[in-house]
């Protein structure tokens, strides 16, 4: 069975910056809809893992994304790929 997350990671890792933006731009409406839905469904849930999900989304997605947007808006030159914390894709057998 294929691993869609690993496949997406590999696709984005090997893409040029403009190709990467195009893929993410196309996926953004779908990803945003499902992220919002996944956070909305946590309201009132008593399960500890579920109740921590909104905080995880914030700390693992929104905070780093906000920082990256800020860097992009204030930088005079592109941030090197390594400095952005990217890691080489991993493959699973």
PDB file of N, CA and C in Angstrom:
ATOM      1  N   UNK A   1       0.849  -1.179   0.000  1.00  0.00           N
ATOM      2  CA  UNK A   1       0.000   0.000   0.000  1.00  0.00           C
ATOM      3  C   UNK A   1       0.896   1.245   0.000  1.00  0.00           C
ATOM      4  N   UNK A   2       0.482   2.248  -0.695  1.00  0.00           N
ATOM      5  CA  UNK A   2       1.273   3.467  -0.779  1.00  0.00           C
ATOM      6  C   UNK A   2       1.036   4.349   0.445  1.00  0.00           C
ATOM      7  N   UNK A   3       1.989   5.224   0.701  1.00  0.00           N
ATOM      8  CA  UNK A   3       1.895   6.186   1.794  1.00  0.00           C
ATOM      9  C   UNK A   3       1.737   7.567   1.163  1.00  0.00           C
ATOM     10  N   UNK A   4       0.516   8.113   1.136  1.00  0.00           N
ATOM     11  CA  UNK A   4       0.300   9.390   0.448  1.00  0.00           C
ATOM     12  C   UNK A   4       1.088  10.543   1.060  1.00  0.00           C
ATOM     13  N   UNK A   5       1.319  10.520   2.362  1.00  0.00           N
ATOM     14  CA  UNK A   5       2.090  11.595   2.988  1.00  0.00           C
ATOM     15  C   UNK A   5       3.546  11.527   2.523  1.00  0.00           C
ATOM     16  N   UNK A   6       4.117  10.331   2.491  1.00  0.00           N
ATOM     17  CA  UNK A   6       5.494  10.173   2.009  1.00  0.00           C
ATOM     18  C   UNK A   6       5.600  10.559   0.536  1.00  0.00           C
ATOM     19  N   UNK A   7       4.601  10.201  -0.247  1.00  0.00           N
ATOM     20  CA  UNK A   7       4.614  10.553  -1.671  1.00  0.00           C
ATOM     21  C   UNK A   7       4.538  12.064  -1.865  1.00  0.00           C
ATOM     22  N   UNK A   8       3.680  12.733  -1.094  1.00  0.00           N
ATOM     23  CA  UNK A   8       3.579  14.190  -1.176  1.00  0.00           C
ATOM     24  C   UNK A   8       4.888  14.832  -0.725  1.00  0.00           C
ATOM     25  N   UNK A   9       5.468  14.324   0.354  1.00  0.00           N
ATOM     26  CA  UNK A   9       6.741  14.837   0.837  1.00  0.00           C
ATOM     27  C   UNK A   9       7.817  14.705  -0.238  1.00  0.00           C
ATOM     28  N   UNK A  10       7.888  13.569  -0.876  1.00  0.00           N
ATOM     29  CA  UNK A  10       8.876  13.342  -1.940  1.00  0.00           C
ATOM     30  C   UNK A  10       8.631  14.290  -3.110  1.00  0.00           C
ATOM     31  N   UNK A  11       7.380  14.444  -3.511  1.00  0.00           N
ATOM     32  CA  UNK A  11       7.034  15.349  -4.605  1.00  0.00           C
ATOM     33  C   UNK A  11       7.472  16.775  -4.290  1.00  0.00           C
ATOM     34  N   UNK A  12       7.150  17.247  -3.095  1.00  0.00           N
ATOM     35  CA  UNK A  12       7.492  18.613  -2.718  1.00  0.00           C
ATOM     36  C   UNK A  12       8.995  18.790  -2.544  1.00  0.00           C
ATOM     37  N   UNK A  13       9.667  17.777  -2.045  1.00  0.00           N
ATOM     38  CA  UNK A  13      11.113  17.861  -1.835  1.00  0.00           C
ATOM     39  C   UNK A  13      11.864  17.967  -3.160  1.00  0.00           C
ATOM     40  N   UNK A  14      11.402  17.262  -4.172  1.00  0.00           N
ATOM     41  CA  UNK A  14      12.103  17.261  -5.458  1.00  0.00           C
ATOM     42  C   UNK A  14      11.637  18.370  -6.400  1.00  0.00           C
ATOM     43  N   UNK A  15      10.579  19.053  -6.058  1.00  0.00           N
ATOM     44  CA  UNK A  15      10.039  20.114  -6.915  1.00  0.00           C
ATOM     45  C   UNK A  15      10.876  21.385  -6.803  1.00  0.00           C
ATOM     46  N   UNK A  16      10.824  22.175  -7.855  1.00  0.00           N
ATOM     47  CA  UNK A  16      11.435  23.502  -7.789  1.00  0.00           C
ATOM     48  C   UNK A  16      10.556  24.372  -6.896  1.00  0.00           C
ATOM     49  N   UNK A  17      11.075  25.494  -6.421  1.00  0.00           N
ATOM     50  CA  UNK A  17      10.237  26.360  -5.586  1.00  0.00           C
ATOM     51  C   UNK A  17       8.923  26.766  -6.261  1.00  0.00           C
ATOM     52  N   UNK A  18       8.961  27.076  -7.559  1.00  0.00           N
ATOM     53  CA  UNK A  18       7.715  27.475  -8.226  1.00  0.00           C
ATOM     54  C   UNK A  18       6.762  26.290  -8.382  1.00  0.00           C
ATOM     55  N   UNK A  19       7.304  25.103  -8.651  1.00  0.00           N
ATOM     56  CA  UNK A  19       6.450  23.908  -8.726  1.00  0.00           C
ATOM     57  C   UNK A  19       5.837  23.600  -7.357  1.00  0.00           C
ATOM     58  N   UNK A  20       6.636  23.745  -6.306  1.00  0.00           N
ATOM     59  CA  UNK A  20       6.160  23.495  -4.946  1.00  0.00           C
ATOM     60  C   UNK A  20       5.004  24.441  -4.603  1.00  0.00           C
ATOM     61  N   UNK A  21       5.173  25.715  -4.936  1.00  0.00           N
ATOM     62  CA  UNK A  21       4.095  26.678  -4.664  1.00  0.00           C
ATOM     63  C   UNK A  21       2.840  26.322  -5.443  1.00  0.00           C
ATOM     64  N   UNK A  22       2.990  25.881  -6.682  1.00  0.00           N
ATOM     65  CA  UNK A  22       1.822  25.513  -7.494  1.00  0.00           C
ATOM     66  C   UNK A  22       1.078  24.324  -6.887  1.00  0.00           C
ATOM     67  N   UNK A  23       1.812  23.315  -6.440  1.00  0.00           N
ATOM     68  CA  UNK A  23       1.174  22.147  -5.813  1.00  0.00           C
ATOM     69  C   UNK A  23       0.454  22.570  -4.537  1.00  0.00           C
ATOM     70  N   UNK A  24       1.138  23.336  -3.701  1.00  0.00           N
ATOM     71  CA  UNK A  24       0.531  23.761  -2.434  1.00  0.00           C
ATOM     72  C   UNK A  24      -0.653  24.696  -2.661  1.00  0.00           C
ATOM     73  N   UNK A  25      -0.557  25.560  -3.675  1.00  0.00           N
ATOM     74  CA  UNK A  25      -1.673  26.461  -3.994  1.00  0.00           C
ATOM     75  C   UNK A  25      -2.903  25.652  -4.397  1.00  0.00           C
ATOM     76  N   UNK A  26      -2.692  24.609  -5.179  1.00  0.00           N
ATOM     77  CA  UNK A  26      -3.814  23.769  -5.607  1.00  0.00           C
ATOM     78  C   UNK A  26      -4.411  22.992  -4.436  1.00  0.00           C
ATOM     79  N   UNK A  27      -3.574  22.567  -3.506  1.00  0.00           N
ATOM     80  CA  UNK A  27      -4.047  21.770  -2.366  1.00  0.00           C
ATOM     81  C   UNK A  27      -4.585  22.620  -1.223  1.00  0.00           C
ATOM     82  N   UNK A  28      -4.256  23.892  -1.192  1.00  0.00           N
ATOM     83  CA  UNK A  28      -4.606  24.748  -0.058  1.00  0.00           C
ATOM     84  C   UNK A  28      -6.092  24.759   0.296  1.00  0.00           C
ATOM     85  N   UNK A  29      -7.014  24.918  -0.650  1.00  0.00           N
ATOM     86  CA  UNK A  29      -8.436  24.928  -0.268  1.00  0.00           C
ATOM     87  C   UNK A  29      -8.884  23.626   0.403  1.00  0.00           C
ATOM     88  N   UNK A  30      -8.407  22.509  -0.104  1.00  0.00           N
ATOM     89  CA  UNK A  30      -8.787  21.210   0.463  1.00  0.00           C
ATOM     90  C   UNK A  30      -8.170  21.041   1.846  1.00  0.00           C
ATOM     91  N   UNK A  31      -6.884  21.333   1.961  1.00  0.00           N
ATOM     92  CA  UNK A  31      -6.215  21.199   3.255  1.00  0.00           C
ATOM     93  C   UNK A  31      -6.821  22.133   4.296  1.00  0.00           C
ATOM     94  N   UNK A  32      -7.087  23.365   3.908  1.00  0.00           N
ATOM     95  CA  UNK A  32      -7.669  24.324   4.849  1.00  0.00           C
ATOM     96  C   UNK A  32      -9.041  23.858   5.323  1.00  0.00           C
ATOM     97  N   UNK A  33      -9.858  23.377   4.402  1.00  0.00           N
ATOM     98  CA  UNK A  33     -11.199  22.909   4.778  1.00  0.00           C
ATOM     99  C   UNK A  33     -11.114  21.780   5.793  1.00  0.00           C
ATOM    100  N   UNK A  34     -10.234  20.797   5.541  1.00  0.00           N
ATOM    101  CA  UNK A  34     -10.138  19.651   6.449  1.00  0.00           C
ATOM    102  C   UNK A  34      -9.462  20.011   7.762  1.00  0.00           C
ATOM    103  N   UNK A  35      -8.522  20.947   7.752  1.00  0.00           N
ATOM    104  CA  UNK A  35      -7.913  21.388   9.012  1.00  0.00           C
ATOM    105  C   UNK A  35      -8.945  22.105   9.868  1.00  0.00           C
ATOM    106  N   UNK A  36      -9.727  22.992   9.263  1.00  0.00           N
ATOM    107  CA  UNK A  36     -10.778  23.693  10.005  1.00  0.00           C
ATOM    108  C   UNK A  36     -11.787  22.696  10.552  1.00  0.00           C
ATOM    109  N   UNK A  37     -12.216  21.759   9.733  1.00  0.00           N
ATOM    110  CA  UNK A  37     -13.172  20.750  10.182  1.00  0.00           C
ATOM    111  C   UNK A  37     -12.595  19.927  11.332  1.00  0.00           C
ATOM    112  N   UNK A  38     -11.335  19.545  11.223  1.00  0.00           N
ATOM    113  CA  UNK A  38     -10.732  18.713  12.271  1.00  0.00           C
ATOM    114  C   UNK A  38     -10.610  19.461  13.590  1.00  0.00           C
ATOM    115  N   UNK A  39     -10.385  20.768  13.539  1.00  0.00           N
ATOM    116  CA  UNK A  39     -10.331  21.564  14.771  1.00  0.00           C
ATOM    117  C   UNK A  39     -11.737  21.796  15.307  1.00  0.00           C
ATOM    118  N   UNK A  40     -12.684  22.118  14.424  1.00  0.00           N
ATOM    119  CA  UNK A  40     -14.069  22.358  14.862  1.00  0.00           C
ATOM    120  C   UNK A  40     -14.668  21.152  15.570  1.00  0.00           C
ATOM    121  N   UNK A  41     -14.339  19.952  15.125  1.00  0.00           N
ATOM    122  CA  UNK A  41     -14.936  18.756  15.722  1.00  0.00           C
ATOM    123  C   UNK A  41     -14.359  18.430  17.093  1.00  0.00           C
ATOM    124  N   UNK A  42     -13.358  19.174  17.542  1.00  0.00           N
ATOM    125  CA  UNK A  42     -12.768  18.946  18.870  1.00  0.00           C
ATOM    126  C   UNK A  42     -13.559  19.612  19.985  1.00  0.00           C
ATOM    127  N   UNK A  43     -14.413  20.552  19.645  1.00  0.00           N
ATOM    128  CA  UNK A  43     -15.152  21.312  20.663  1.00  0.00           C
ATOM    129  C   UNK A  43     -15.930  20.379  21.576  1.00  0.00           C
ATOM    130  N   UNK A  44     -15.673  20.501  22.860  1.00  0.00           N
ATOM    131  CA  UNK A  44     -16.409  19.731  23.849  1.00  0.00           C
ATOM    132  C   UNK A  44     -15.990  18.281  23.994  1.00  0.00           C
ATOM    133  N   UNK A  45     -15.011  17.838  23.220  1.00  0.00           N
ATOM    134  CA  UNK A  45     -14.574  16.441  23.316  1.00  0.00           C
ATOM    135  C   UNK A  45     -13.733  16.255  24.575  1.00  0.00           C
ATOM    136  N   UNK A  46     -13.984  15.195  25.299  1.00  0.00           N
ATOM    137  CA  UNK A  46     -13.289  14.953  26.564  1.00  0.00           C
ATOM    138  C   UNK A  46     -12.012  14.133  26.399  1.00  0.00           C
ATOM    139  N   UNK A  47     -11.792  13.552  25.228  1.00  0.00           N
ATOM    140  CA  UNK A  47     -10.585  12.762  25.000  1.00  0.00           C
ATOM    141  C   UNK A  47      -9.369  13.691  25.021  1.00  0.00           C
ATOM    142  N   UNK A  48      -8.352  13.385  25.841  1.00  0.00           N
ATOM    143  CA  UNK A  48      -7.192  14.284  25.943  1.00  0.00           C
ATOM    144  C   UNK A  48      -6.471  14.521  24.615  1.00  0.00           C
ATOM    145  N   UNK A  49      -6.310  13.475  23.809  1.00  0.00           N
ATOM    146  CA  UNK A  49      -5.636  13.660  22.517  1.00  0.00           C
ATOM    147  C   UNK A  49      -6.438  14.569  21.599  1.00  0.00           C
ATOM    148  N   UNK A  50      -7.738  14.374  21.582  1.00  0.00           N
ATOM    149  CA  UNK A  50      -8.599  15.205  20.738  1.00  0.00           C
ATOM    150  C   UNK A  50      -8.608  16.645  21.224  1.00  0.00           C
ATOM    151  N   UNK A  51      -8.669  16.848  22.522  1.00  0.00           N
ATOM    152  CA  UNK A  51      -8.722  18.214  23.043  1.00  0.00           C
ATOM    153  C   UNK A  51      -7.405  18.960  22.830  1.00  0.00           C
ATOM    154  N   UNK A  52      -6.298  18.244  22.648  1.00  0.00           N
ATOM    155  CA  UNK A  52      -5.001  18.889  22.374  1.00  0.00           C
ATOM    156  C   UNK A  52      -4.794  19.184  20.890  1.00  0.00           C
ATOM    157  N   UNK A  53      -5.614  18.637  20.034  1.00  0.00           N
ATOM    158  CA  UNK A  53      -5.440  18.807  18.587  1.00  0.00           C
ATOM    159  C   UNK A  53      -5.395  20.274  18.156  1.00  0.00           C
ATOM    160  N   UNK A  54      -6.309  21.154  18.600  1.00  0.00           N
ATOM    161  CA  UNK A  54      -6.220  22.557  18.173  1.00  0.00           C
ATOM    162  C   UNK A  54      -4.892  23.211  18.556  1.00  0.00           C
ATOM    163  N   UNK A  55      -4.376  22.900  19.745  1.00  0.00           N
ATOM    164  CA  UNK A  55      -3.087  23.459  20.159  1.00  0.00           C
ATOM    165  C   UNK A  55      -1.963  22.920  19.280  1.00  0.00           C
ATOM    166  N   UNK A  56      -2.027  21.653  18.938  1.00  0.00           N
ATOM    167  CA  UNK A  56      -1.022  21.057  18.058  1.00  0.00           C
ATOM    168  C   UNK A  56      -1.043  21.730  16.687  1.00  0.00           C
ATOM    169  N   UNK A  57      -2.232  21.961  16.149  1.00  0.00           N
ATOM    170  CA  UNK A  57      -2.351  22.646  14.854  1.00  0.00           C
ATOM    171  C   UNK A  57      -1.718  24.028  14.945  1.00  0.00           C
ATOM    172  N   UNK A  58      -1.972  24.717  16.038  1.00  0.00           N
ATOM    173  CA  UNK A  58      -1.412  26.051  16.207  1.00  0.00           C
ATOM    174  C   UNK A  58       0.105  26.023  16.302  1.00  0.00           C
ATOM    175  N   UNK A  59       0.636  25.166  17.172  1.00  0.00           N
ATOM    176  CA  UNK A  59       2.080  25.175  17.398  1.00  0.00           C
ATOM    177  C   UNK A  59       2.879  24.533  16.275  1.00  0.00           C
ATOM    178  N   UNK A  60       2.307  23.551  15.603  1.00  0.00           N
ATOM    179  CA  UNK A  60       3.052  22.842  14.562  1.00  0.00           C
ATOM    180  C   UNK A  60       2.807  23.388  13.158  1.00  0.00           C
ATOM    181  N   UNK A  61       1.744  24.170  12.975  1.00  0.00           N
ATOM    182  CA  UNK A  61       1.420  24.683  11.644  1.00  0.00           C
ATOM    183  C   UNK A  61       1.365  26.208  11.621  1.00  0.00           C
ATOM    184  N   UNK A  62       0.507  26.786  12.433  1.00  0.00           N
ATOM    185  CA  UNK A  62       0.267  28.222  12.340  1.00  0.00           C
ATOM    186  C   UNK A  62       1.455  29.066  12.786  1.00  0.00           C
ATOM    187  N   UNK A  63       2.086  28.716  13.897  1.00  0.00           N
ATOM    188  CA  UNK A  63       3.222  29.503  14.382  1.00  0.00           C
ATOM    189  C   UNK A  63       4.387  29.448  13.394  1.00  0.00           C
ATOM    190  N   UNK A  64       4.823  28.254  12.951  1.00  0.00           N
ATOM    191  CA  UNK A  64       5.920  28.234  11.972  1.00  0.00           C
ATOM    192  C   UNK A  64       5.553  28.901  10.643  1.00  0.00           C
ATOM    193  N   UNK A  65       4.312  28.743  10.226  1.00  0.00           N
ATOM    194  CA  UNK A  65       3.876  29.364   8.979  1.00  0.00           C
ATOM    195  C   UNK A  65       3.873  30.885   9.102  1.00  0.00           C
ATOM    196  N   UNK A  66       3.383  31.396  10.223  1.00  0.00           N
ATOM    197  CA  UNK A  66       3.408  32.839  10.464  1.00  0.00           C
ATOM    198  C   UNK A  66       4.824  33.389  10.465  1.00  0.00           C
ATOM    199  N   UNK A  67       5.750  32.657  11.084  1.00  0.00           N
ATOM    200  CA  UNK A  67       7.149  33.081  11.113  1.00  0.00           C
ATOM    201  C   UNK A  67       7.749  33.078   9.706  1.00  0.00           C
ATOM    202  N   UNK A  68       7.414  32.070   8.913  1.00  0.00           N
ATOM    203  CA  UNK A  68       7.924  31.997   7.542  1.00  0.00           C
ATOM    204  C   UNK A  68       7.387  33.143   6.691  1.00  0.00           C
ATOM    205  N   UNK A  69       6.115  33.463   6.856  1.00  0.00           N
ATOM    206  CA  UNK A  69       5.525  34.585   6.118  1.00  0.00           C
ATOM    207  C   UNK A  69       6.229  35.879   6.507  1.00  0.00           C
ATOM    208  N   UNK A  70       6.475  36.051   7.793  1.00  0.00           N
ATOM    209  CA  UNK A  70       7.173  37.252   8.259  1.00  0.00           C
ATOM    210  C   UNK A  70       8.573  37.333   7.651  1.00  0.00           C
ATOM    211  N   UNK A  71       9.315  36.206   7.663  1.00  0.00           N
ATOM    212  CA  UNK A  71      10.656  36.195   7.070  1.00  0.00           C
ATOM    213  C   UNK A  71      10.597  36.533   5.585  1.00  0.00           C
ATOM    214  N   UNK A  72       9.617  35.970   4.891  1.00  0.00           N
ATOM    215  CA  UNK A  72       9.506  36.210   3.446  1.00  0.00           C
ATOM    216  C   UNK A  72       9.204  37.669   3.147  1.00  0.00           C
ATOM    217  N   UNK A  73       8.408  38.288   4.007  1.00  0.00           N
ATOM    218  CA  UNK A  73       8.038  39.682   3.771  1.00  0.00           C
ATOM    219  C   UNK A  73       9.148  40.651   4.139  1.00  0.00           C
ATOM    220  N   UNK A  74      10.054  40.235   5.003  1.00  0.00           N
ATOM    221  CA  UNK A  74      11.104  41.150   5.447  1.00  0.00           C
ATOM    222  C   UNK A  74      12.480  40.810   4.888  1.00  0.00           C
ATOM    223  N   UNK A  75      12.637  39.664   4.247  1.00  0.00           N
ATOM    224  CA  UNK A  75      13.946  39.233   3.737  1.00  0.00           C
ATOM    225  C   UNK A  75      14.293  39.952   2.447  1.00  0.00           C
ATOM    226  N   UNK A  76      15.584  40.186   2.278  1.00  0.00           N
ATOM    227  CA  UNK A  76      16.047  40.772   1.024  1.00  0.00           C
ATOM    228  C   UNK A  76      16.540  39.697   0.064  1.00  0.00           C
ATOM    229  N   UNK A  77      16.802  38.500   0.581  1.00  0.00           N
ATOM    230  CA  UNK A  77      17.196  37.385  -0.279  1.00  0.00           C
ATOM    231  C   UNK A  77      16.510  36.120   0.223  1.00  0.00           C
ATOM    232  N   UNK A  78      16.364  35.124  -0.648  1.00  0.00           N
ATOM    233  CA  UNK A  78      15.677  33.898  -0.244  1.00  0.00           C
ATOM    234  C   UNK A  78      16.391  33.191   0.903  1.00  0.00           C
ATOM    235  N   UNK A  79      15.607  32.553   1.757  1.00  0.00           N
ATOM    236  CA  UNK A  79      16.158  31.760   2.850  1.00  0.00           C
ATOM    237  C   UNK A  79      16.600  30.425   2.265  1.00  0.00           C
ATOM    238  N   UNK A  80      17.850  30.007   2.516  1.00  0.00           N
ATOM    239  CA  UNK A  80      18.312  28.723   1.972  1.00  0.00           C
ATOM    240  C   UNK A  80      17.469  27.562   2.472  1.00  0.00           C
ATOM    241  N   UNK A  81      17.335  26.538   1.656  1.00  0.00           N
ATOM    242  CA  UNK A  81      16.499  25.377   1.968  1.00  0.00           C
ATOM    243  C   UNK A  81      16.888  24.747   3.302  1.00  0.00           C
ATOM    244  N   UNK A  82      18.169  24.568   3.578  1.00  0.00           N
ATOM    245  CA  UNK A  82      18.610  23.940   4.826  1.00  0.00           C
ATOM    246  C   UNK A  82      18.202  24.776   6.031  1.00  0.00           C
ATOM    247  N   UNK A  83      18.280  26.081   5.935  1.00  0.00           N
ATOM    248  CA  UNK A  83      17.951  26.948   7.062  1.00  0.00           C
ATOM    249  C   UNK A  83      16.469  26.906   7.404  1.00  0.00           C
ATOM    250  N   UNK A  84      15.648  26.459   6.489  1.00  0.00           N
ATOM    251  CA  UNK A  84      14.214  26.399   6.735  1.00  0.00           C
ATOM    252  C   UNK A  84      13.823  25.151   7.507  1.00  0.00           C
ATOM    253  N   UNK A  85      14.786  24.317   7.856  1.00  0.00           N
ATOM    254  CA  UNK A  85      14.488  23.135   8.646  1.00  0.00           C
ATOM    255  C   UNK A  85      13.973  21.954   7.852  1.00  0.00           C
ATOM    256  N   UNK A  86      14.130  21.972   6.551  1.00  0.00           N
ATOM    257  CA  UNK A  86      13.659  20.841   5.748  1.00  0.00           C
ATOM    258  C   UNK A  86      14.600  19.676   5.925  1.00  0.00           C
ATOM    259  N   UNK A  87      14.056  18.504   5.893  1.00  0.00           N
ATOM    260  CA  UNK A  87      14.855  17.294   5.963  1.00  0.00           C
ATOM    261  C   UNK A  87      14.633  16.501   4.689  1.00  0.00           C
ATOM    262  N   UNK A  88      15.625  15.707   4.362  1.00  0.00           N
ATOM    263  CA  UNK A  88      15.482  14.836   3.201  1.00  0.00           C
ATOM    264  C   UNK A  88      14.317  13.893   3.433  1.00  0.00           C
ATOM    265  N   UNK A  89      13.588  13.575   2.391  1.00  0.00           N
ATOM    266  CA  UNK A  89      12.433  12.689   2.560  1.00  0.00           C
ATOM    267  C   UNK A  89      12.865  11.311   3.029  1.00  0.00           C
ATOM    268  N   UNK A  90      12.006  10.696   3.793  1.00  0.00           N
ATOM    269  CA  UNK A  90      12.261   9.330   4.231  1.00  0.00           C
ATOM    270  C   UNK A  90      11.356   8.404   3.455  1.00  0.00           C
ATOM    271  N   UNK A  91      11.842   7.234   3.202  1.00  0.00           N
ATOM    272  CA  UNK A  91      11.031   6.256   2.483  1.00  0.00           C
ATOM    273  C   UNK A  91      10.734   5.106   3.415  1.00  0.00           C
ATOM    274  N   UNK A  92       9.571   4.528   3.219  1.00  0.00           N
ATOM    275  CA  UNK A  92       9.187   3.360   4.001  1.00  0.00           C
ATOM    276  C   UNK A  92       9.033   2.188   3.065  1.00  0.00           C
ATOM    277  N   UNK A  93       9.364   1.036   3.557  1.00  0.00           N
ATOM    278  CA  UNK A  93       9.262  -0.166   2.717  1.00  0.00           C
ATOM    279  C   UNK A  93       7.945  -0.843   2.911  1.00  0.00           C
TER     280      UNK A  93
END
